[in-house]
Amino acid sequence: MQKKLIREMAIYAILLILLAFVMHSDLLSSPTERFSLMQERENYLHPFVYAFIIYIFLLFIRFIVKKTATLFKKIRDK
């Protein structure tokens, strides 16, 4: 259980970082400017919300694929 929780947290963290760099390409060139702009606008939570929405979507897709694979395995084993 603990390994699964750590794996899911790692997936979420990677997704958060990946989305941050995709949505804000200036993070690589001037990260202090981006953080000061975020501090000025007081929008601290939007990266976490966007990452959570995408994570839930990916979790749903992973669930569907897993159930489909299980179904095909049951059909094949008959």
C-alpha atoms as a PDB file:
ATOM      1  CA  MET A   1       0.000   0.000   0.000  1.00  0.00           C
ATOM      2  CA  GLN A   2       2.791   2.400   0.904  1.00  0.00           C
ATOM      3  CA  LYS A   3       4.639   1.705  -2.366  1.00  0.00           C
ATOM      4  CA  LYS A   4       1.482   2.379  -4.344  1.00  0.00           C
ATOM      5  CA  LEU A   5       0.894   5.667  -2.515  1.00  0.00           C
ATOM      6  CA  ILE A   6       4.481   6.780  -3.117  1.00  0.00           C
ATOM      7  CA  ARG A   7       4.186   5.820  -6.806  1.00  0.00           C
ATOM      8  CA  GLU A   8       0.957   7.814  -7.210  1.00  0.00           C
ATOM      9  CA  MET A   9       2.463  10.828  -5.443  1.00  0.00           C
ATOM     10  CA  ALA A  10       5.483  10.622  -7.759  1.00  0.00           C
ATOM     11  CA  ILE A  11       3.193  10.494 -10.794  1.00  0.00           C
ATOM     12  CA  TYR A  12       1.325  13.558  -9.526  1.00  0.00           C
ATOM     13  CA  ALA A  13       4.557  15.461  -8.822  1.00  0.00           C
ATOM     14  CA  ILE A  14       5.977  14.653 -12.257  1.00  0.00           C
ATOM     15  CA  LEU A  15       2.701  15.691 -13.855  1.00  0.00           C
ATOM     16  CA  LEU A  16       2.727  18.953 -11.876  1.00  0.00           C
ATOM     17  CA  ILE A  17       6.268  19.798 -12.972  1.00  0.00           C
ATOM     18  CA  LEU A  18       5.645  18.769 -16.572  1.00  0.00           C
ATOM     19  CA  LEU A  19       2.470  20.853 -16.815  1.00  0.00           C
ATOM     20  CA  ALA A  20       4.227  23.837 -15.220  1.00  0.00           C
ATOM     21  CA  PHE A  21       6.928  23.775 -17.890  1.00  0.00           C
ATOM     22  CA  VAL A  22       4.457  23.176 -20.715  1.00  0.00           C
ATOM     23  CA  MET A  23       2.098  25.975 -19.656  1.00  0.00           C
ATOM     24  CA  HIS A  24       4.829  28.425 -18.636  1.00  0.00           C
ATOM     25  CA  SER A  25       7.842  28.000 -20.869  1.00  0.00           C
ATOM     26  CA  ASP A  26       9.425  31.097 -19.326  1.00  0.00           C
ATOM     27  CA  LEU A  27      10.108  29.090 -16.159  1.00  0.00           C
ATOM     28  CA  LEU A  28      13.346  27.938 -17.740  1.00  0.00           C
ATOM     29  CA  SER A  29      14.564  31.395 -18.766  1.00  0.00           C
ATOM     30  CA  SER A  30      13.383  33.550 -15.857  1.00  0.00           C
ATOM     31  CA  PRO A  31      11.890  31.600 -12.957  1.00  0.00           C
ATOM     32  CA  THR A  32      12.126  34.481 -10.461  1.00  0.00           C
ATOM     33  CA  GLU A  33      10.019  36.676 -12.726  1.00  0.00           C
ATOM     34  CA  ARG A  34       7.369  33.942 -13.017  1.00  0.00           C
ATOM     35  CA  PHE A  35       7.272  33.401  -9.231  1.00  0.00           C
ATOM     36  CA  SER A  36       7.050  37.113  -8.519  1.00  0.00           C
ATOM     37  CA  LEU A  37       4.176  37.389 -11.014  1.00  0.00           C
ATOM     38  CA  MET A  38       2.432  34.474  -9.306  1.00  0.00           C
ATOM     39  CA  GLN A  39       2.967  36.132  -5.933  1.00  0.00           C
ATOM     40  CA  GLU A  40       1.611  39.435  -7.226  1.00  0.00           C
ATOM     41  CA  ARG A  41      -1.566  37.838  -8.559  1.00  0.00           C
ATOM     42  CA  GLU A  42      -1.941  35.549  -5.510  1.00  0.00           C
ATOM     43  CA  ASN A  43      -2.835  32.520  -7.609  1.00  0.00           C
ATOM     44  CA  TYR A  44      -0.887  29.845  -5.773  1.00  0.00           C
ATOM     45  CA  LEU A  45      -3.295  26.952  -6.124  1.00  0.00           C
ATOM     46  CA  HIS A  46      -4.041  26.891  -9.840  1.00  0.00           C
ATOM     47  CA  PRO A  47      -1.086  24.615 -10.755  1.00  0.00           C
ATOM     48  CA  PHE A  48      -2.231  22.057  -8.199  1.00  0.00           C
ATOM     49  CA  VAL A  49      -5.842  22.211  -9.383  1.00  0.00           C
ATOM     50  CA  TYR A  50      -4.916  21.789 -13.052  1.00  0.00           C
ATOM     51  CA  ALA A  51      -2.529  18.943 -12.257  1.00  0.00           C
ATOM     52  CA  PHE A  52      -5.193  17.258 -10.114  1.00  0.00           C
ATOM     53  CA  ILE A  53      -7.765  17.448 -12.915  1.00  0.00           C
ATOM     54  CA  ILE A  54      -5.331  15.913 -15.419  1.00  0.00           C
ATOM     55  CA  TYR A  55      -4.268  13.307 -12.822  1.00  0.00           C
ATOM     56  CA  ILE A  56      -7.893  12.248 -12.258  1.00  0.00           C
ATOM     57  CA  PHE A  57      -8.402  12.003 -16.023  1.00  0.00           C
ATOM     58  CA  LEU A  58      -5.287   9.824 -16.390  1.00  0.00           C
ATOM     59  CA  LEU A  59      -6.343   7.728 -13.410  1.00  0.00           C
ATOM     60  CA  PHE A  60      -9.692   7.092 -15.091  1.00  0.00           C
ATOM     61  CA  ILE A  61      -7.976   6.068 -18.338  1.00  0.00           C
ATOM     62  CA  ARG A  62      -5.609   3.755 -16.432  1.00  0.00           C
ATOM     63  CA  PHE A  63      -8.601   2.185 -14.679  1.00  0.00           C
ATOM     64  CA  ILE A  64     -10.430   1.588 -17.975  1.00  0.00           C
ATOM     65  CA  VAL A  65      -7.344   0.036 -19.583  1.00  0.00           C
ATOM     66  CA  LYS A  66      -6.752  -2.209 -16.565  1.00  0.00           C
ATOM     67  CA  LYS A  67     -10.363  -3.430 -16.510  1.00  0.00           C
ATOM     68  CA  THR A  68     -10.342  -4.003 -20.280  1.00  0.00           C
ATOM     69  CA  ALA A  69      -7.125  -6.015 -20.029  1.00  0.00           C
ATOM     70  CA  THR A  70      -8.616  -8.072 -17.195  1.00  0.00           C
ATOM     71  CA  LEU A  71     -11.741  -8.716 -19.249  1.00  0.00           C
ATOM     72  CA  PHE A  72      -9.738  -9.868 -22.280  1.00  0.00           C
ATOM     73  CA  LYS A  73      -7.595 -12.077 -20.050  1.00  0.00           C
ATOM     74  CA  LYS A  74     -10.731 -13.752 -18.618  1.00  0.00           C
ATOM     75  CA  ILE A  75     -12.117 -14.272 -22.113  1.00  0.00           C
ATOM     76  CA  ARG A  76      -8.826 -15.725 -23.334  1.00  0.00           C
ATOM     77  CA  ASP A  77      -8.521 -18.101 -20.372  1.00  0.00           C
ATOM     78  CA  LYS A  78     -11.948 -19.692 -20.980  1.00  0.00           C
END
